[in-house]
Amino acid sequence: MEHNLKSVILAGGMGTRLREETEYRPKPMVEIAGRPILWHIMKNLSQQSLNEFVICLGYKGDQIKDFFVNYETRVNDITVSLGNNGVSRHLTASSEEDWKVTLANTGLSTMTGGRIYRIRDYLNKETFLCTYGDGLADIDIKSLIKFHKSHGKIATVTTVRPTSRFGALEIDAKSQVKNFAEKPKAEQWINGGFFIFEPKIFEYLDAECVLEQKPLETLALEGQLMAYQHHGFWQPMDTFRETQELNQLWDKSAAPWKNW
């Protein structure tokens, strides 16, 4: 079953905190090593046997559509015969050819829960993975799915403890610094995306809701939300600095999400 799970990717937000990049393109199209971060997320999942995607489009969604519609000509060498509109492809074939990508317009300013709700017909009442189009991780998807199946609840959220942006100091009563950690791990677990949802999730959603508010709060109160604790790499791309850091990891051949 895990090989048939569809992956829903939320790719419609405005990405306002990354204004340097998102003025011209949607945030999931911001590039790491010349490929959109969205592609990196999908590539990582496809290496783990998830090859069917439903991408929820909103802000500048046409750019994402264009990327996939023209994908083959982008990644392969081509010869164009001008005059008769002939384009022949030279097969430097890519392993992405077995991807099936559904690109769904879910509204310009629709909230996260509303976007998922609007693509329900593409999911055939099946269990599905759902994540954000701007966060990379080295999650073992097989283990995540196994955990989800083991508890029998409606929803699993992958939780992470991000590195703090600020140095943490332990200070004693005399104001002496006993311990200085430049970038400690946060104590609290936070939502890292990479959800697994049962079809019953749609009973908690509507066309306007914010997934992270009432739906997940209600599921938690009802004991229907379980946490898969991920101790490995996880990094959202919220700022220009984080974009640079992800590119640097790639350039140093130290990109933990690269499993291909």
Protein backbone atom coordinates (compact mmCIF):
# COMPACT_ATOMS: atom_id res chain seq x y z
CA MET A 1 0.00 0.00 0.00
CA GLU A 2 2.75 2.46 0.85
CA HIS A 3 3.86 2.46 -2.76
CA ASN A 4 0.47 3.76 -3.91
CA LEU A 5 0.18 6.68 -1.51
CA LYS A 6 -0.41 9.96 -3.29
CA SER A 7 1.53 12.98 -2.06
CA VAL A 8 -0.34 16.26 -1.73
CA ILE A 9 1.97 19.27 -1.79
CA LEU A 10 0.79 22.69 -0.63
CA ALA A 11 2.32 25.08 -3.15
CA GLY A 12 -0.10 28.00 -3.28
CA GLY A 13 1.04 30.45 -0.61
CA MET A 14 2.41 33.92 -1.18
CA GLY A 15 5.75 33.35 0.53
CA THR A 16 5.83 36.93 1.75
CA ARG A 17 8.79 36.44 4.09
CA LEU A 18 10.96 35.56 1.12
CA ARG A 19 10.05 38.69 -0.79
CA GLU A 20 13.42 38.85 -2.61
CA GLU A 21 12.46 35.73 -4.52
CA THR A 22 8.68 35.50 -4.40
CA GLU A 23 7.94 38.79 -6.06
CA TYR A 24 8.71 37.05 -9.34
CA ARG A 25 7.82 33.41 -8.71
CA PRO A 26 5.96 31.20 -6.28
CA LYS A 27 8.05 30.09 -3.34
CA PRO A 28 8.12 26.38 -4.33
CA MET A 29 9.82 27.47 -7.58
CA VAL A 30 12.72 29.13 -5.76
CA GLU A 31 15.77 27.15 -6.84
CA ILE A 32 18.32 25.03 -5.08
CA ALA A 33 21.14 24.01 -7.41
CA GLY A 34 19.16 25.13 -10.46
CA ARG A 35 16.02 23.11 -9.65
CA PRO A 36 12.94 24.32 -7.75
CA ILE A 37 12.72 23.31 -4.09
CA LEU A 38 9.40 21.68 -5.07
CA TRP A 39 11.32 19.36 -7.41
CA HIS A 40 13.74 18.43 -4.60
CA ILE A 41 10.82 17.51 -2.30
CA MET A 42 9.22 15.40 -5.05
CA LYS A 43 12.50 13.77 -6.02
CA ASN A 44 13.15 12.75 -2.41
CA LEU A 45 9.64 11.24 -2.12
CA SER A 46 9.87 9.49 -5.49
CA GLN A 47 13.12 7.80 -4.42
CA GLN A 48 10.99 6.34 -1.63
CA SER A 49 8.39 4.94 -4.08
CA LEU A 50 5.90 7.82 -3.93
CA ASN A 51 5.45 8.81 -7.57
CA GLU A 52 1.94 10.29 -7.68
CA PHE A 53 1.57 13.93 -6.73
CA VAL A 54 -1.28 16.39 -6.36
CA ILE A 55 0.07 19.92 -6.23
CA CYS A 56 -2.21 22.59 -4.77
CA LEU A 57 -1.62 25.77 -6.76
CA GLY A 58 -2.42 29.36 -5.89
CA TYR A 59 -0.07 32.33 -6.11
CA LYS A 60 1.69 32.36 -9.52
CA GLY A 61 0.55 28.77 -10.05
CA ASP A 62 0.95 29.06 -13.82
CA GLN A 63 4.72 29.01 -13.38
CA ILE A 64 4.49 25.63 -11.66
CA LYS A 65 2.20 24.33 -14.42
CA ASP A 66 4.61 25.56 -17.08
CA PHE A 67 7.53 23.87 -15.34
CA PHE A 68 5.87 20.45 -15.53
CA VAL A 69 4.22 20.86 -18.93
CA ASN A 70 7.63 21.71 -20.40
CA TYR A 71 9.58 19.37 -18.15
CA GLU A 72 10.84 16.98 -20.82
CA THR A 73 12.21 19.74 -23.02
CA ARG A 74 13.91 21.29 -20.00
CA VAL A 75 15.79 18.24 -18.85
CA ASN A 76 16.61 16.60 -22.18
CA ASP A 77 18.79 17.72 -25.08
CA ILE A 78 16.52 18.68 -27.97
CA THR A 79 16.84 19.46 -31.67
CA VAL A 80 14.38 21.99 -33.03
CA SER A 81 13.61 22.00 -36.74
CA LEU A 82 12.43 25.54 -37.37
CA GLY A 83 9.74 26.07 -39.96
CA ASN A 84 7.83 22.85 -39.41
CA ASN A 85 7.61 23.12 -35.62
CA GLY A 86 9.44 19.85 -35.17
CA VAL A 87 11.11 19.17 -31.84
CA SER A 88 12.99 15.92 -31.44
CA ARG A 89 14.12 14.86 -28.03
CA HIS A 90 17.48 13.20 -27.46
CA LEU A 91 16.94 10.76 -24.66
CA THR A 92 19.21 11.76 -21.86
CA ALA A 93 16.20 10.29 -20.07
CA SER A 94 15.35 11.30 -16.56
CA SER A 95 14.09 8.98 -13.86
CA GLU A 96 11.23 11.42 -13.25
CA GLU A 97 9.40 9.98 -16.24
CA ASP A 98 7.31 7.74 -14.01
CA TRP A 99 5.95 10.71 -12.05
CA LYS A 100 2.26 11.42 -12.35
CA VAL A 101 1.61 15.04 -11.40
CA THR A 102 -1.85 16.56 -10.97
CA LEU A 103 -1.73 20.36 -10.91
CA ALA A 104 -4.85 21.70 -9.22
CA ASN A 105 -5.87 25.35 -9.00
CA THR A 106 -7.00 25.75 -5.39
CA GLY A 107 -7.49 29.54 -5.32
CA LEU A 108 -5.24 32.53 -4.88
CA SER A 109 -5.75 33.20 -1.19
CA THR A 110 -7.20 29.88 -0.01
CA MET A 111 -5.87 28.65 3.34
CA THR A 112 -4.00 25.36 3.80
CA GLY A 113 -6.97 23.29 4.94
CA GLY A 114 -9.14 24.72 2.18
CA ARG A 115 -6.54 23.77 -0.44
CA ILE A 116 -6.53 20.15 0.73
CA TYR A 117 -10.32 20.12 0.87
CA ARG A 118 -10.55 21.33 -2.72
CA ILE A 119 -8.48 18.44 -4.13
CA ARG A 120 -10.37 15.69 -2.27
CA ASP A 121 -11.75 14.21 -5.50
CA TYR A 122 -8.23 13.41 -6.71
CA LEU A 123 -7.56 11.18 -3.71
CA ASN A 124 -10.16 8.45 -4.27
CA LYS A 125 -10.88 8.18 -0.54
CA GLU A 126 -7.37 6.84 0.10
CA THR A 127 -4.77 7.44 2.79
CA PHE A 128 -2.39 10.16 1.58
CA LEU A 129 0.76 12.05 2.47
CA CYS A 130 0.60 15.83 2.67
CA THR A 131 3.42 18.32 3.06
CA TYR A 132 4.48 21.90 2.41
CA GLY A 133 6.14 23.00 -0.84
CA ASP A 134 8.96 24.82 0.93
CA GLY A 135 10.49 22.39 3.43
CA LEU A 136 13.15 19.72 2.98
CA ALA A 137 13.88 16.77 5.24
CA ASP A 138 15.53 13.35 5.23
CA ILE A 139 12.49 11.55 6.61
CA ASP A 140 12.25 7.78 6.20
CA ILE A 141 8.79 7.69 4.58
CA LYS A 142 8.42 3.92 4.96
CA SER A 143 8.94 4.25 8.69
CA LEU A 144 6.50 7.21 8.84
CA ILE A 145 3.80 5.19 7.07
CA LYS A 146 4.47 2.17 9.28
CA PHE A 147 4.05 4.34 12.39
CA HIS A 148 0.81 5.79 11.00
CA LYS A 149 -0.64 2.35 10.30
CA SER A 150 0.38 1.08 13.72
CA HIS A 151 -1.78 3.52 15.68
CA GLY A 152 -4.95 3.50 13.57
CA LYS A 153 -5.78 7.18 14.10
CA ILE A 154 -6.91 9.70 11.46
CA ALA A 155 -3.74 11.80 11.30
CA THR A 156 0.00 11.71 11.84
CA VAL A 157 2.14 14.84 11.87
CA THR A 158 5.91 14.69 11.58
CA THR A 159 7.35 16.68 14.46
CA VAL A 160 10.82 18.19 14.56
CA ARG A 161 12.96 20.17 16.95
CA PRO A 162 14.54 22.91 14.89
CA THR A 163 17.83 24.56 15.68
CA SER A 164 17.27 27.87 17.42
CA ARG A 165 18.34 30.98 15.51
CA PHE A 166 19.63 32.45 18.74
CA GLY A 167 22.41 31.48 21.09
CA ALA A 168 21.24 30.02 24.42
CA LEU A 169 23.02 30.90 27.62
CA GLU A 170 22.72 29.24 31.00
CA ILE A 171 23.35 31.87 33.69
CA ASP A 172 23.83 31.30 37.41
CA ALA A 173 22.71 33.49 40.32
CA LYS A 174 25.86 35.60 40.11
CA SER A 175 25.24 36.37 36.41
CA GLN A 176 28.07 34.08 35.36
CA VAL A 177 27.53 32.27 32.08
CA LYS A 178 27.78 28.54 32.85
CA ASN A 179 27.05 27.32 29.36
CA PHE A 180 26.95 28.93 25.93
CA ALA A 181 25.43 27.13 22.94
CA GLU A 182 25.53 29.02 19.67
CA LYS A 183 22.68 27.14 17.97
CA PRO A 184 20.96 24.80 20.40
CA LYS A 185 18.08 22.52 19.47
CA ALA A 186 14.77 23.93 20.61
CA GLU A 187 13.16 22.07 23.50
CA GLN A 188 9.70 21.94 21.98
CA TRP A 189 8.59 19.81 19.09
CA ILE A 190 6.99 21.71 16.21
CA ASN A 191 4.96 20.82 13.13
CA GLY A 192 7.38 19.77 10.39
CA GLY A 193 4.78 18.87 7.76
CA PHE A 194 4.93 15.40 6.18
CA PHE A 195 1.49 14.43 7.43
CA ILE A 196 -0.24 11.14 6.75
CA PHE A 197 -4.01 11.53 6.63
CA GLU A 198 -6.85 9.06 6.44
CA PRO A 199 -9.80 10.06 4.22
CA LYS A 200 -11.77 10.90 7.39
CA ILE A 201 -9.66 14.09 7.56
CA PHE A 202 -12.15 15.65 5.13
CA GLU A 203 -14.82 15.57 7.86
CA TYR A 204 -12.65 18.14 9.68
CA LEU A 205 -11.96 20.39 6.67
CA ASP A 206 -13.94 22.86 4.61
CA ALA A 207 -13.17 25.14 1.68
CA GLU A 208 -11.97 28.04 3.85
CA CYS A 209 -10.20 26.50 6.87
CA VAL A 210 -6.61 26.76 8.03
CA LEU A 211 -5.33 23.20 8.53
CA GLU A 212 -3.09 24.17 11.45
CA GLN A 213 -5.94 25.75 13.41
CA LYS A 214 -9.32 24.15 14.04
CA PRO A 215 -8.86 20.88 12.09
CA LEU A 216 -5.61 19.83 13.79
CA GLU A 217 -6.68 21.29 17.14
CA THR A 218 -9.91 19.28 17.01
CA LEU A 219 -8.12 16.08 15.95
CA ALA A 220 -5.71 16.53 18.86
CA LEU A 221 -8.56 17.06 21.36
CA GLU A 222 -10.27 13.94 20.05
CA GLY A 223 -7.08 11.88 20.38
CA GLN A 224 -6.89 11.41 16.60
CA LEU A 225 -3.52 13.13 15.96
CA MET A 226 -0.25 11.28 16.52
CA ALA A 227 3.30 12.63 16.34
CA TYR A 228 6.04 10.93 14.36
CA GLN A 229 9.22 12.29 15.90
CA HIS A 230 11.91 13.03 13.32
CA HIS A 231 15.39 13.53 14.76
CA GLY A 232 17.21 14.03 11.46
CA PHE A 233 17.51 16.91 9.02
CA TRP A 234 14.61 19.30 8.52
CA GLN A 235 14.80 22.78 7.07
CA PRO A 236 12.10 25.15 5.87
CA MET A 237 12.98 27.84 3.36
CA ASP A 238 11.42 30.91 4.93
CA THR A 239 14.13 33.49 4.42
CA PHE A 240 16.71 34.41 1.82
CA ARG A 241 19.41 33.27 4.24
CA GLU A 242 17.84 29.82 4.47
CA THR A 243 17.76 29.63 0.67
CA GLN A 244 21.48 30.38 0.64
CA GLU A 245 22.16 27.79 3.36
CA LEU A 246 20.33 25.06 1.41
CA ASN A 247 22.32 25.94 -1.71
CA GLN A 248 25.56 25.83 0.29
CA LEU A 249 24.73 22.37 1.63
CA TRP A 250 24.18 21.20 -1.93
CA ASP A 251 27.41 22.79 -3.16
CA LYS A 252 29.36 21.03 -0.40
CA SER A 253 27.73 17.70 -1.36
CA ALA A 254 26.27 17.66 2.13
CA ALA A 255 22.55 17.87 1.30
CA PRO A 256 20.87 15.37 3.68
CA TRP A 257 17.65 15.27 1.62
CA LYS A 258 19.50 14.12 -1.52
CA ASN A 259 18.76 10.39 -1.70
CA TRP A 260 19.35 10.02 -5.45
